[in-house]
Amino acid sequence: MMDEIRAEADDQHLIARLAPGLALLTALSETGNITRAAERLGVPQPTVSRRLAALSEAIGAPLTQPAGRGVRLTRVGVILAGTAGRALATVDAGIRQAREELDPATGHVVLGFLHLLGRWLVPSLLRDFRAQYPGVRFTLVQGSRRHILGRLADGELDLALIAPLPVDDSTLTGSVLSEQELLLSVPRSHRLAARRRIRFEELAGEDFVTLEPGYGLRQITDALCAKAGFDPKIAFEGQESETVRGLVAAGLGVALLPRFGPAPPAGVAEIPLSPKVTRTIGLVWPSEEQFTPAVRSFRDHVLTTQRATGTAPQATRHRARTEPAGA
């Protein structure tokens, strides 16, 4: 075991000595000439000769041998040059990625959002932003509110669109983008379907179709039931609001959902609640932000867009109250 550890340490030491010469080996492999290799690297020829001698000493074997007026790599040199070429290609790709990250016109944004927001809000924001910055790439991550906030905390996301906004968390900063009314969705044949308004207390004993724990709508539904003095009778749990809406249309229960559109879908009646129930939709990011220009540009685009549509975002660190477990 100790011999393996020593061998690994020796290899790491050798790598550290060889790494600065990788570009030299690649240049010699491609040119077969020390002078042309020096010109490619932008260094004097004597410098190339000294580096080559130092590399040969470090590896313990010659890396080149004379070939006419030039040089050619020995078998050991060929092996190292091949490895060097692959390593430099990887480094080159990394440099290009880093350069793109620093350019707001060609960078990369990792955006997390709730499934429901992918139906209308996210496509609209991306369309308008890409019209101005067509070279920016996006990685889109969908999931529950808990899942999205977890990945944001782990540094896997740059920004997140969620509802409701987190509270009592000084590590996150966010802006309210809009208030969205939530309605009771019931089957068209349900006894309450013709009601103009309904109090949540009247739903005790109803079969509920909800999202799974960890979703914002589930959190709100559970909180409203608790405030009304009853435990919800859960008939079905799902992961997407459209699936929940479809189960309601099939007559399998009632659900708390945002308005579907100008008119409810087939088989569903939407009833406003009394008092009115809303949820905040917001953009969230780490308080200790270290944005690349592309991420900052998209963040600012989202906030500016909401101002233009009449919703003034209010940036704040959220410390107001403690949310229920499972939010």
C-alpha atoms as a PDB file:
ATOM      1  CA  MET A   1       0.000   0.000   0.000  1.00  0.00           C
ATOM      2  CA  MET A   2       2.807   2.401   0.917  1.00  0.00           C
ATOM      3  CA  ASP A   3       4.607   1.573  -2.332  1.00  0.00           C
ATOM      4  CA  GLU A   4       1.453   2.481  -4.276  1.00  0.00           C
ATOM      5  CA  ILE A   5       1.180   5.778  -2.421  1.00  0.00           C
ATOM      6  CA  ARG A   6       4.838   6.597  -3.137  1.00  0.00           C
ATOM      7  CA  ALA A   7       4.411   5.691  -6.819  1.00  0.00           C
ATOM      8  CA  GLU A   8       1.366   7.931  -7.079  1.00  0.00           C
ATOM      9  CA  ALA A   9       3.243  10.785  -5.417  1.00  0.00           C
ATOM     10  CA  ASP A  10       6.155  10.318  -7.826  1.00  0.00           C
ATOM     11  CA  ASP A  11       3.753  10.409 -10.775  1.00  0.00           C
ATOM     12  CA  GLN A  12       2.159  13.628  -9.506  1.00  0.00           C
ATOM     13  CA  HIS A  13       5.596  15.182  -9.083  1.00  0.00           C
ATOM     14  CA  LEU A  14       6.536  14.174 -12.626  1.00  0.00           C
ATOM     15  CA  ILE A  15       3.283  15.553 -14.010  1.00  0.00           C
ATOM     16  CA  ALA A  16       4.007  18.899 -12.375  1.00  0.00           C
ATOM     17  CA  ARG A  17       7.431  18.987 -14.053  1.00  0.00           C
ATOM     18  CA  LEU A  18       6.170  17.877 -17.463  1.00  0.00           C
ATOM     19  CA  ALA A  19       3.006  19.997 -17.680  1.00  0.00           C
ATOM     20  CA  PRO A  20       4.745  23.243 -18.777  1.00  0.00           C
ATOM     21  CA  GLY A  21       6.375  21.347 -21.651  1.00  0.00           C
ATOM     22  CA  LEU A  22       3.227  19.802 -23.150  1.00  0.00           C
ATOM     23  CA  ALA A  23       2.879  22.529 -25.765  1.00  0.00           C
ATOM     24  CA  LEU A  24       6.567  22.065 -26.711  1.00  0.00           C
ATOM     25  CA  LEU A  25       6.142  18.322 -27.316  1.00  0.00           C
ATOM     26  CA  THR A  26       3.060  18.967 -29.441  1.00  0.00           C
ATOM     27  CA  ALA A  27       4.876  21.600 -31.497  1.00  0.00           C
ATOM     28  CA  LEU A  28       7.885  19.322 -32.057  1.00  0.00           C
ATOM     29  CA  SER A  29       5.583  16.473 -33.070  1.00  0.00           C
ATOM     30  CA  GLU A  30       3.876  18.649 -35.673  1.00  0.00           C
ATOM     31  CA  THR A  31       6.904  20.540 -37.035  1.00  0.00           C
ATOM     32  CA  GLY A  32       9.812  18.097 -36.613  1.00  0.00           C
ATOM     33  CA  ASN A  33      12.036  21.146 -36.263  1.00  0.00           C
ATOM     34  CA  ILE A  34      13.263  22.965 -33.163  1.00  0.00           C
ATOM     35  CA  THR A  35      13.431  26.366 -34.897  1.00  0.00           C
ATOM     36  CA  ARG A  36       9.865  26.172 -36.226  1.00  0.00           C
ATOM     37  CA  ALA A  37       8.651  24.867 -32.861  1.00  0.00           C
ATOM     38  CA  ALA A  38      10.259  27.884 -31.176  1.00  0.00           C
ATOM     39  CA  GLU A  39       8.562  30.231 -33.668  1.00  0.00           C
ATOM     40  CA  ARG A  40       5.181  28.607 -33.018  1.00  0.00           C
ATOM     41  CA  LEU A  41       5.610  28.966 -29.259  1.00  0.00           C
ATOM     42  CA  GLY A  42       6.973  32.511 -29.533  1.00  0.00           C
ATOM     43  CA  VAL A  43      10.157  31.784 -27.601  1.00  0.00           C
ATOM     44  CA  PRO A  44      13.892  31.800 -28.567  1.00  0.00           C
ATOM     45  CA  GLN A  45      15.354  28.584 -29.955  1.00  0.00           C
ATOM     46  CA  PRO A  46      17.853  28.210 -27.068  1.00  0.00           C
ATOM     47  CA  THR A  47      14.909  28.289 -24.648  1.00  0.00           C
ATOM     48  CA  VAL A  48      13.269  25.406 -26.521  1.00  0.00           C
ATOM     49  CA  SER A  49      16.506  23.417 -26.393  1.00  0.00           C
ATOM     50  CA  ARG A  50      16.854  23.961 -22.638  1.00  0.00           C
ATOM     51  CA  ARG A  51      13.234  22.993 -21.988  1.00  0.00           C
ATOM     52  CA  LEU A  52      13.620  19.888 -24.107  1.00  0.00           C
ATOM     53  CA  ALA A  53      16.743  18.855 -22.191  1.00  0.00           C
ATOM     54  CA  ALA A  54      14.947  19.435 -18.878  1.00  0.00           C
ATOM     55  CA  LEU A  55      11.988  17.302 -20.021  1.00  0.00           C
ATOM     56  CA  SER A  56      14.292  14.480 -21.085  1.00  0.00           C
ATOM     57  CA  GLU A  57      16.054  14.633 -17.730  1.00  0.00           C
ATOM     58  CA  ALA A  58      12.757  14.574 -15.847  1.00  0.00           C
ATOM     59  CA  ILE A  59      11.438  11.565 -17.741  1.00  0.00           C
ATOM     60  CA  GLY A  60      14.785   9.789 -17.656  1.00  0.00           C
ATOM     61  CA  ALA A  61      15.058   9.158 -21.416  1.00  0.00           C
ATOM     62  CA  PRO A  62      15.678  11.157 -24.623  1.00  0.00           C
ATOM     63  CA  LEU A  63      12.499  12.568 -26.188  1.00  0.00           C
ATOM     64  CA  THR A  64      13.988  13.446 -29.599  1.00  0.00           C
ATOM     65  CA  GLN A  65      16.638  12.193 -31.917  1.00  0.00           C
ATOM     66  CA  PRO A  66      18.246  13.737 -35.028  1.00  0.00           C
ATOM     67  CA  ALA A  67      16.430  13.192 -38.343  1.00  0.00           C
ATOM     68  CA  GLY A  68      18.177  14.884 -41.266  1.00  0.00           C
ATOM     69  CA  ARG A  69      18.119  18.633 -40.661  1.00  0.00           C
ATOM     70  CA  GLY A  70      15.408  18.316 -38.075  1.00  0.00           C
ATOM     71  CA  VAL A  71      14.413  16.063 -35.214  1.00  0.00           C
ATOM     72  CA  ARG A  72      11.873  13.372 -34.625  1.00  0.00           C
ATOM     73  CA  LEU A  73      10.386  12.154 -31.402  1.00  0.00           C
ATOM     74  CA  THR A  74      11.572   8.949 -29.804  1.00  0.00           C
ATOM     75  CA  ARG A  75       8.959   6.324 -28.903  1.00  0.00           C
ATOM     76  CA  VAL A  76       8.738   7.811 -25.409  1.00  0.00           C
ATOM     77  CA  GLY A  77       8.384  11.269 -26.939  1.00  0.00           C
ATOM     78  CA  VAL A  78       5.598  10.067 -29.260  1.00  0.00           C
ATOM     79  CA  ILE A  79       3.658   8.632 -26.318  1.00  0.00           C
ATOM     80  CA  LEU A  80       3.954  11.843 -24.323  1.00  0.00           C
ATOM     81  CA  ALA A  81       3.210  14.056 -27.335  1.00  0.00           C
ATOM     82  CA  GLY A  82       0.012  12.123 -28.040  1.00  0.00           C
ATOM     83  CA  THR A  83      -1.107  12.568 -24.451  1.00  0.00           C
ATOM     84  CA  ALA A  84      -0.089  16.228 -24.576  1.00  0.00           C
ATOM     85  CA  GLY A  85      -2.162  16.813 -27.705  1.00  0.00           C
ATOM     86  CA  ARG A  86      -5.293  15.403 -26.093  1.00  0.00           C
ATOM     87  CA  ALA A  87      -4.682  17.331 -22.881  1.00  0.00           C
ATOM     88  CA  LEU A  88      -4.163  20.614 -24.726  1.00  0.00           C
ATOM     89  CA  ALA A  89      -7.340  20.071 -26.744  1.00  0.00           C
ATOM     90  CA  THR A  90      -9.249  19.721 -23.465  1.00  0.00           C
ATOM     91  CA  VAL A  91      -7.611  22.846 -22.048  1.00  0.00           C
ATOM     92  CA  ASP A  92      -8.387  24.724 -25.264  1.00  0.00           C
ATOM     93  CA  ALA A  93     -12.044  23.761 -25.011  1.00  0.00           C
ATOM     94  CA  GLY A  94     -12.080  24.900 -21.397  1.00  0.00           C
ATOM     95  CA  ILE A  95     -10.542  28.252 -22.351  1.00  0.00           C
ATOM     96  CA  ARG A  96     -13.183  28.765 -25.031  1.00  0.00           C
ATOM     97  CA  GLN A  97     -15.928  27.948 -22.527  1.00  0.00           C
ATOM     98  CA  ALA A  98     -14.442  30.328 -19.968  1.00  0.00           C
ATOM     99  CA  ARG A  99     -14.220  33.090 -22.593  1.00  0.00           C
ATOM    100  CA  GLU A 100     -17.865  32.526 -23.530  1.00  0.00           C
ATOM    101  CA  GLU A 101     -18.892  32.665 -19.881  1.00  0.00           C
ATOM    102  CA  LEU A 102     -17.295  36.100 -19.629  1.00  0.00           C
ATOM    103  CA  ASP A 103     -19.096  37.408 -22.725  1.00  0.00           C
ATOM    104  CA  PRO A 104     -22.730  38.418 -22.173  1.00  0.00           C
ATOM    105  CA  ALA A 105     -23.447  37.722 -25.848  1.00  0.00           C
ATOM    106  CA  THR A 106     -22.236  34.108 -25.857  1.00  0.00           C
ATOM    107  CA  GLY A 107     -22.421  32.901 -22.261  1.00  0.00           C
ATOM    108  CA  HIS A 108     -24.356  30.157 -20.513  1.00  0.00           C
ATOM    109  CA  VAL A 109     -27.261  30.407 -18.059  1.00  0.00           C
ATOM    110  CA  VAL A 110     -28.568  27.526 -15.933  1.00  0.00           C
ATOM    111  CA  LEU A 111     -32.186  28.338 -15.060  1.00  0.00           C
ATOM    112  CA  GLY A 112     -34.394  26.339 -12.710  1.00  0.00           C
ATOM    113  CA  PHE A 113     -38.171  26.676 -12.598  1.00  0.00           C
ATOM    114  CA  LEU A 114     -41.391  24.985 -11.553  1.00  0.00           C
ATOM    115  CA  HIS A 115     -43.126  22.780 -14.124  1.00  0.00           C
ATOM    116  CA  LEU A 116     -46.145  25.071 -14.364  1.00  0.00           C
ATOM    117  CA  LEU A 117     -44.013  28.129 -15.142  1.00  0.00           C
ATOM    118  CA  GLY A 118     -42.650  26.315 -18.197  1.00  0.00           C
ATOM    119  CA  ARG A 119     -46.087  26.569 -19.753  1.00  0.00           C
ATOM    120  CA  TRP A 120     -46.124  30.354 -20.165  1.00  0.00           C
ATOM    121  CA  LEU A 121     -43.599  32.453 -18.225  1.00  0.00           C
ATOM    122  CA  VAL A 122     -40.292  30.787 -19.131  1.00  0.00           C
ATOM    123  CA  PRO A 123     -40.882  30.584 -22.921  1.00  0.00           C
ATOM    124  CA  SER A 124     -41.880  34.246 -22.993  1.00  0.00           C
ATOM    125  CA  LEU A 125     -38.795  35.400 -21.070  1.00  0.00           C
ATOM    126  CA  LEU A 126     -36.419  33.268 -23.152  1.00  0.00           C
ATOM    127  CA  ARG A 127     -37.924  34.373 -26.464  1.00  0.00           C
ATOM    128  CA  ASP A 128     -37.512  38.065 -25.692  1.00  0.00           C
ATOM    129  CA  PHE A 129     -34.001  37.641 -24.258  1.00  0.00           C
ATOM    130  CA  ARG A 130     -32.734  35.519 -27.158  1.00  0.00           C
ATOM    131  CA  ALA A 131     -33.964  38.175 -29.578  1.00  0.00           C
ATOM    132  CA  GLN A 132     -31.306  40.448 -28.057  1.00  0.00           C
ATOM    133  CA  TYR A 133     -28.666  37.810 -27.214  1.00  0.00           C
ATOM    134  CA  PRO A 134     -29.059  34.942 -29.708  1.00  0.00           C
ATOM    135  CA  GLY A 135     -25.676  33.440 -28.790  1.00  0.00           C
ATOM    136  CA  VAL A 136     -26.458  32.771 -25.110  1.00  0.00           C
ATOM    137  CA  ARG A 137     -27.026  29.091 -24.256  1.00  0.00           C
ATOM    138  CA  PHE A 138     -29.513  27.938 -21.628  1.00  0.00           C
ATOM    139  CA  THR A 139     -29.711  24.792 -19.556  1.00  0.00           C
ATOM    140  CA  LEU A 140     -33.265  24.445 -18.241  1.00  0.00           C
ATOM    141  CA  VAL A 141     -33.967  22.486 -15.053  1.00  0.00           C
ATOM    142  CA  GLN A 142     -37.553  21.714 -14.002  1.00  0.00           C
ATOM    143  CA  GLY A 143     -38.741  20.266 -10.730  1.00  0.00           C
ATOM    144  CA  SER A 144     -40.549  20.811  -7.470  1.00  0.00           C
ATOM    145  CA  ARG A 145     -39.963  23.927  -5.419  1.00  0.00           C
ATOM    146  CA  ARG A 146     -37.918  21.920  -2.893  1.00  0.00           C
ATOM    147  CA  HIS A 147     -35.826  20.348  -5.686  1.00  0.00           C
ATOM    148  CA  ILE A 148     -35.151  23.686  -7.381  1.00  0.00           C
ATOM    149  CA  LEU A 149     -34.189  25.461  -4.151  1.00  0.00           C
ATOM    150  CA  GLY A 150     -31.910  22.561  -3.207  1.00  0.00           C
ATOM    151  CA  ARG A 151     -30.032  22.715  -6.490  1.00  0.00           C
ATOM    152  CA  LEU A 152     -29.788  26.497  -6.215  1.00  0.00           C
ATOM    153  CA  ALA A 153     -28.268  26.138  -2.738  1.00  0.00           C
ATOM    154  CA  ASP A 154     -25.798  23.554  -4.068  1.00  0.00           C
ATOM    155  CA  GLY A 155     -24.597  25.968  -6.750  1.00  0.00           C
ATOM    156  CA  GLU A 156     -26.008  23.899  -9.622  1.00  0.00           C
ATOM    157  CA  LEU A 157     -28.323  26.709 -10.789  1.00  0.00           C
ATOM    158  CA  ASP A 158     -27.647  30.355 -11.540  1.00  0.00           C
ATOM    159  CA  LEU A 159     -31.229  31.573 -11.148  1.00  0.00           C
ATOM    160  CA  ALA A 160     -34.594  30.068 -10.243  1.00  0.00           C
ATOM    161  CA  LEU A 161     -38.211  30.973 -10.942  1.00  0.00           C
ATOM    162  CA  ILE A 162     -40.342  29.673  -8.092  1.00  0.00           C
ATOM    163  CA  ALA A 163     -43.585  30.190  -6.201  1.00  0.00           C
ATOM    164  CA  PRO A 164     -43.946  31.120  -3.461  1.00  0.00           C
ATOM    165  CA  LEU A 165     -40.727  32.948  -2.690  1.00  0.00           C
ATOM    166  CA  PRO A 166     -38.570  31.514   0.129  1.00  0.00           C
ATOM    167  CA  VAL A 167     -38.558  33.269   3.464  1.00  0.00           C
ATOM    168  CA  ASP A 168     -36.280  33.285   6.516  1.00  0.00           C
ATOM    169  CA  ASP A 169     -33.235  32.471   4.375  1.00  0.00           C
ATOM    170  CA  SER A 170     -30.462  35.072   4.307  1.00  0.00           C
ATOM    171  CA  THR A 171     -28.515  33.055   1.720  1.00  0.00           C
ATOM    172  CA  LEU A 172     -31.061  33.871  -0.996  1.00  0.00           C
ATOM    173  CA  THR A 173     -32.153  37.121  -2.584  1.00  0.00           C
ATOM    174  CA  GLY A 174     -35.176  37.409  -4.824  1.00  0.00           C
ATOM    175  CA  SER A 175     -37.672  39.665  -6.535  1.00  0.00           C
ATOM    176  CA  VAL A 176     -41.426  39.310  -6.653  1.00  0.00           C
ATOM    177  CA  LEU A 177     -42.415  39.194 -10.314  1.00  0.00           C
ATOM    178  CA  SER A 178     -46.177  38.824 -10.008  1.00  0.00           C
ATOM    179  CA  GLU A 179     -49.106  37.754  -7.835  1.00  0.00           C
ATOM    180  CA  GLN A 180     -51.085  34.855  -9.302  1.00  0.00           C
ATOM    181  CA  GLU A 181     -54.630  34.075  -8.178  1.00  0.00           C
ATOM    182  CA  LEU A 182     -55.360  30.469  -7.264  1.00  0.00           C
ATOM    183  CA  LEU A 183     -58.806  28.977  -7.943  1.00  0.00           C
ATOM    184  CA  LEU A 184     -60.623  25.840  -6.924  1.00  0.00           C
ATOM    185  CA  SER A 185     -60.859  23.459  -9.882  1.00  0.00           C
ATOM    186  CA  VAL A 186     -63.739  21.000  -9.724  1.00  0.00           C
ATOM    187  CA  PRO A 187     -65.265  18.552 -12.210  1.00  0.00           C
ATOM    188  CA  ARG A 188     -67.915  20.197 -14.370  1.00  0.00           C
ATOM    189  CA  SER A 189     -70.489  17.793 -12.887  1.00  0.00           C
ATOM    190  CA  HIS A 190     -69.519  18.588  -9.267  1.00  0.00           C
ATOM    191  CA  ARG A 191     -72.159  19.932  -6.891  1.00  0.00           C
ATOM    192  CA  LEU A 192     -70.105  23.127  -6.429  1.00  0.00           C
ATOM    193  CA  ALA A 193     -69.428  23.762 -10.119  1.00  0.00           C
ATOM    194  CA  ALA A 194     -72.080  26.498 -10.447  1.00  0.00           C
ATOM    195  CA  ARG A 195     -70.928  28.472  -7.400  1.00  0.00           C
ATOM    196  CA  ARG A 196     -69.629  32.006  -7.943  1.00  0.00           C
ATOM    197  CA  ARG A 197     -67.365  31.851  -4.879  1.00  0.00           C
ATOM    198  CA  ILE A 198     -66.538  29.328  -2.198  1.00  0.00           C
ATOM    199  CA  ARG A 199     -64.988  29.353   1.251  1.00  0.00           C
ATOM    200  CA  PHE A 200     -62.234  26.822   1.899  1.00  0.00           C
ATOM    201  CA  GLU A 201     -64.049  25.600   5.011  1.00  0.00           C
ATOM    202  CA  GLU A 202     -66.740  24.161   2.744  1.00  0.00           C
ATOM    203  CA  LEU A 203     -64.256  21.679   1.235  1.00  0.00           C
ATOM    204  CA  ALA A 204     -63.869  19.487   4.311  1.00  0.00           C
ATOM    205  CA  GLY A 205     -64.581  15.913   3.263  1.00  0.00           C
ATOM    206  CA  GLU A 206     -63.865  16.520  -0.435  1.00  0.00           C
ATOM    207  CA  ASP A 207     -61.406  14.292  -2.283  1.00  0.00           C
ATOM    208  CA  PHE A 208     -58.336  16.384  -3.157  1.00  0.00           C
ATOM    209  CA  VAL A 209     -56.038  15.910  -6.135  1.00  0.00           C
ATOM    210  CA  THR A 210     -52.732  17.603  -5.315  1.00  0.00           C
ATOM    211  CA  LEU A 211     -49.088  17.823  -6.198  1.00  0.00           C
ATOM    212  CA  GLU A 212     -46.635  15.808  -4.115  1.00  0.00           C
ATOM    213  CA  PRO A 213     -45.048  17.245  -0.943  1.00  0.00           C
ATOM    214  CA  GLY A 214     -42.208  19.580  -1.894  1.00  0.00           C
ATOM    215  CA  TYR A 215     -44.269  21.532  -4.422  1.00  0.00           C
ATOM    216  CA  GLY A 216     -45.377  25.087  -3.635  1.00  0.00           C
ATOM    217  CA  LEU A 217     -49.028  24.438  -4.523  1.00  0.00           C
ATOM    218  CA  ARG A 218     -49.097  21.483  -2.132  1.00  0.00           C
ATOM    219  CA  GLN A 219     -47.678  23.664   0.617  1.00  0.00           C
ATOM    220  CA  ILE A 220     -50.376  26.284   0.045  1.00  0.00           C
ATOM    221  CA  THR A 221     -53.143  23.672  -0.139  1.00  0.00           C
ATOM    222  CA  ASP A 222     -52.063  22.059   3.138  1.00  0.00           C
ATOM    223  CA  ALA A 223     -51.809  25.465   4.843  1.00  0.00           C
ATOM    224  CA  LEU A 224     -55.312  26.485   3.707  1.00  0.00           C
ATOM    225  CA  CYS A 225     -56.780  23.185   4.904  1.00  0.00           C
ATOM    226  CA  ALA A 226     -55.089  23.582   8.284  1.00  0.00           C
ATOM    227  CA  LYS A 227     -56.383  27.150   8.601  1.00  0.00           C
ATOM    228  CA  ALA A 228     -59.883  25.910   7.718  1.00  0.00           C
ATOM    229  CA  GLY A 229     -59.650  23.305  10.478  1.00  0.00           C
ATOM    230  CA  PHE A 230     -59.464  20.025   8.578  1.00  0.00           C
ATOM    231  CA  ASP A 231     -56.939  17.579   7.150  1.00  0.00           C
ATOM    232  CA  PRO A 232     -57.227  17.183   3.374  1.00  0.00           C
ATOM    233  CA  LYS A 233     -58.496  13.851   2.104  1.00  0.00           C
ATOM    234  CA  ILE A 234     -55.846  13.145  -0.557  1.00  0.00           C
ATOM    235  CA  ALA A 235     -57.128  10.945  -3.374  1.00  0.00           C
ATOM    236  CA  PHE A 236     -54.235  11.420  -5.832  1.00  0.00           C
ATOM    237  CA  GLU A 237     -50.802  13.053  -5.801  1.00  0.00           C
ATOM    238  CA  GLY A 238     -48.951  14.071  -8.945  1.00  0.00           C
ATOM    239  CA  GLN A 239     -45.859  15.900 -10.150  1.00  0.00           C
ATOM    240  CA  GLU A 240     -47.369  18.214 -12.772  1.00  0.00           C
ATOM    241  CA  SER A 241     -50.315  20.571 -12.503  1.00  0.00           C
ATOM    242  CA  GLU A 242     -51.661  19.562 -15.911  1.00  0.00           C
ATOM    243  CA  THR A 243     -51.901  15.955 -14.726  1.00  0.00           C
ATOM    244  CA  VAL A 244     -53.746  17.175 -11.629  1.00  0.00           C
ATOM    245  CA  ARG A 245     -56.108  19.192 -13.819  1.00  0.00           C
ATOM    246  CA  GLY A 246     -56.750  16.153 -15.993  1.00  0.00           C
ATOM    247  CA  LEU A 247     -57.654  14.072 -12.932  1.00  0.00           C
ATOM    248  CA  VAL A 248     -60.095  16.774 -11.855  1.00  0.00           C
ATOM    249  CA  ALA A 249     -61.694  16.725 -15.318  1.00  0.00           C
ATOM    250  CA  ALA A 250     -62.070  12.944 -14.939  1.00  0.00           C
ATOM    251  CA  GLY A 251     -64.142  13.506 -11.797  1.00  0.00           C
ATOM    252  CA  LEU A 252     -61.554  12.180  -9.350  1.00  0.00           C
ATOM    253  CA  GLY A 253     -61.381  15.149  -6.970  1.00  0.00           C
ATOM    254  CA  VAL A 254     -60.948  18.888  -6.522  1.00  0.00           C
ATOM    255  CA  ALA A 255     -57.701  20.870  -6.681  1.00  0.00           C
ATOM    256  CA  LEU A 256     -56.200  24.263  -5.940  1.00  0.00           C
ATOM    257  CA  LEU A 257     -54.658  25.500  -9.210  1.00  0.00           C
ATOM    258  CA  PRO A 258     -53.882  28.721 -11.111  1.00  0.00           C
ATOM    259  CA  ARG A 259     -56.365  29.862 -13.731  1.00  0.00           C
ATOM    260  CA  PHE A 260     -55.993  27.724 -16.856  1.00  0.00           C
ATOM    261  CA  GLY A 261     -56.522  30.508 -19.388  1.00  0.00           C
ATOM    262  CA  PRO A 262     -59.309  32.650 -20.792  1.00  0.00           C
ATOM    263  CA  ALA A 263     -61.663  29.710 -20.219  1.00  0.00           C
ATOM    264  CA  PRO A 264     -61.380  26.495 -18.176  1.00  0.00           C
ATOM    265  CA  PRO A 265     -60.458  23.283 -20.016  1.00  0.00           C
ATOM    266  CA  ALA A 266     -63.134  20.773 -20.958  1.00  0.00           C
ATOM    267  CA  GLY A 267     -64.709  19.061 -17.976  1.00  0.00           C
ATOM    268  CA  VAL A 268     -63.405  21.563 -15.396  1.00  0.00           C
ATOM    269  CA  ALA A 269     -65.052  24.475 -13.584  1.00  0.00           C
ATOM    270  CA  GLU A 270     -62.871  27.126 -11.882  1.00  0.00           C
ATOM    271  CA  ILE A 271     -64.274  28.832  -8.797  1.00  0.00           C
ATOM    272  CA  PRO A 272     -62.712  31.866  -7.035  1.00  0.00           C
ATOM    273  CA  LEU A 273     -62.116  31.455  -3.308  1.00  0.00           C
ATOM    274  CA  SER A 274     -63.355  33.746  -0.557  1.00  0.00           C
ATOM    275  CA  PRO A 275     -61.201  35.323   0.681  1.00  0.00           C
ATOM    276  CA  LYS A 276     -59.107  35.541  -2.478  1.00  0.00           C
ATOM    277  CA  VAL A 277     -56.031  33.264  -2.524  1.00  0.00           C
ATOM    278  CA  THR A 278     -52.860  34.242  -4.385  1.00  0.00           C
ATOM    279  CA  ARG A 279     -49.259  33.118  -4.582  1.00  0.00           C
ATOM    280  CA  THR A 280     -46.133  35.124  -5.387  1.00  0.00           C
ATOM    281  CA  ILE A 281     -44.018  34.193  -8.383  1.00  0.00           C
ATOM    282  CA  GLY A 282     -40.437  35.345  -8.067  1.00  0.00           C
ATOM    283  CA  LEU A 283     -36.892  35.147  -9.360  1.00  0.00           C
ATOM    284  CA  VAL A 284     -34.334  33.943  -6.797  1.00  0.00           C
ATOM    285  CA  TRP A 285     -30.530  33.858  -6.726  1.00  0.00           C
ATOM    286  CA  PRO A 286     -27.757  33.383  -4.118  1.00  0.00           C
ATOM    287  CA  SER A 287     -27.251  36.464  -1.951  1.00  0.00           C
ATOM    288  CA  GLU A 288     -23.489  36.234  -2.431  1.00  0.00           C
ATOM    289  CA  GLU A 289     -23.909  36.427  -6.181  1.00  0.00           C
ATOM    290  CA  GLN A 290     -20.950  35.758  -8.455  1.00  0.00           C
ATOM    291  CA  PHE A 291     -22.707  36.186 -11.772  1.00  0.00           C
ATOM    292  CA  THR A 292     -21.098  35.886 -15.155  1.00  0.00           C
ATOM    293  CA  PRO A 293     -22.085  38.708 -17.525  1.00  0.00           C
ATOM    294  CA  ALA A 294     -24.588  36.458 -19.339  1.00  0.00           C
ATOM    295  CA  VAL A 295     -26.362  35.472 -16.105  1.00  0.00           C
ATOM    296  CA  ARG A 296     -26.471  39.082 -14.925  1.00  0.00           C
ATOM    297  CA  SER A 297     -27.872  40.190 -18.276  1.00  0.00           C
ATOM    298  CA  PHE A 298     -30.654  37.615 -18.105  1.00  0.00           C
ATOM    299  CA  ARG A 299     -31.440  38.454 -14.462  1.00  0.00           C
ATOM    300  CA  ASP A 300     -31.706  42.132 -15.352  1.00  0.00           C
ATOM    301  CA  HIS A 301     -33.818  41.297 -18.421  1.00  0.00           C
ATOM    302  CA  VAL A 302     -36.342  39.408 -16.274  1.00  0.00           C
ATOM    303  CA  LEU A 303     -36.623  42.242 -13.758  1.00  0.00           C
ATOM    304  CA  THR A 304     -36.840  44.918 -16.451  1.00  0.00           C
ATOM    305  CA  THR A 305     -39.487  42.951 -18.344  1.00  0.00           C
ATOM    306  CA  GLN A 306     -41.666  42.800 -15.257  1.00  0.00           C
ATOM    307  CA  ARG A 307     -41.321  46.539 -14.715  1.00  0.00           C
ATOM    308  CA  ALA A 308     -42.367  47.113 -18.318  1.00  0.00           C
ATOM    309  CA  THR A 309     -45.489  44.997 -17.803  1.00  0.00           C
ATOM    310  CA  GLY A 310     -46.465  46.938 -14.719  1.00  0.00           C
ATOM    311  CA  THR A 311     -45.164  44.653 -11.973  1.00  0.00           C
ATOM    312  CA  ALA A 312     -42.416  46.370 -10.005  1.00  0.00           C
ATOM    313  CA  PRO A 313     -40.059  43.701  -8.618  1.00  0.00           C
ATOM    314  CA  GLN A 314     -38.993  44.181  -5.034  1.00  0.00           C
ATOM    315  CA  ALA A 315     -35.546  42.714  -4.367  1.00  0.00           C
ATOM    316  CA  THR A 316     -35.114  41.524  -0.813  1.00  0.00           C
ATOM    317  CA  ARG A 317     -33.336  39.011   1.332  1.00  0.00           C
ATOM    318  CA  HIS A 318     -36.064  36.804   2.679  1.00  0.00           C
ATOM    319  CA  ARG A 319     -36.218  36.600   6.467  1.00  0.00           C
ATOM    320  CA  ALA A 320     -39.906  37.204   7.153  1.00  0.00           C
ATOM    321  CA  ARG A 321     -41.245  33.938   8.567  1.00  0.00           C
ATOM    322  CA  THR A 322     -40.589  30.241   8.748  1.00  0.00           C
ATOM    323  CA  GLU A 323     -42.294  28.117   6.105  1.00  0.00           C
ATOM    324  CA  PRO A 324     -43.851  24.737   6.860  1.00  0.00           C
ATOM    325  CA  ALA A 325     -41.576  21.707   6.553  1.00  0.00           C
ATOM    326  CA  GLY A 326     -41.559  20.263   3.051  1.00  0.00           C
ATOM    327  CA  ALA A 327     -41.797  23.625   1.292  1.00  0.00           C
END
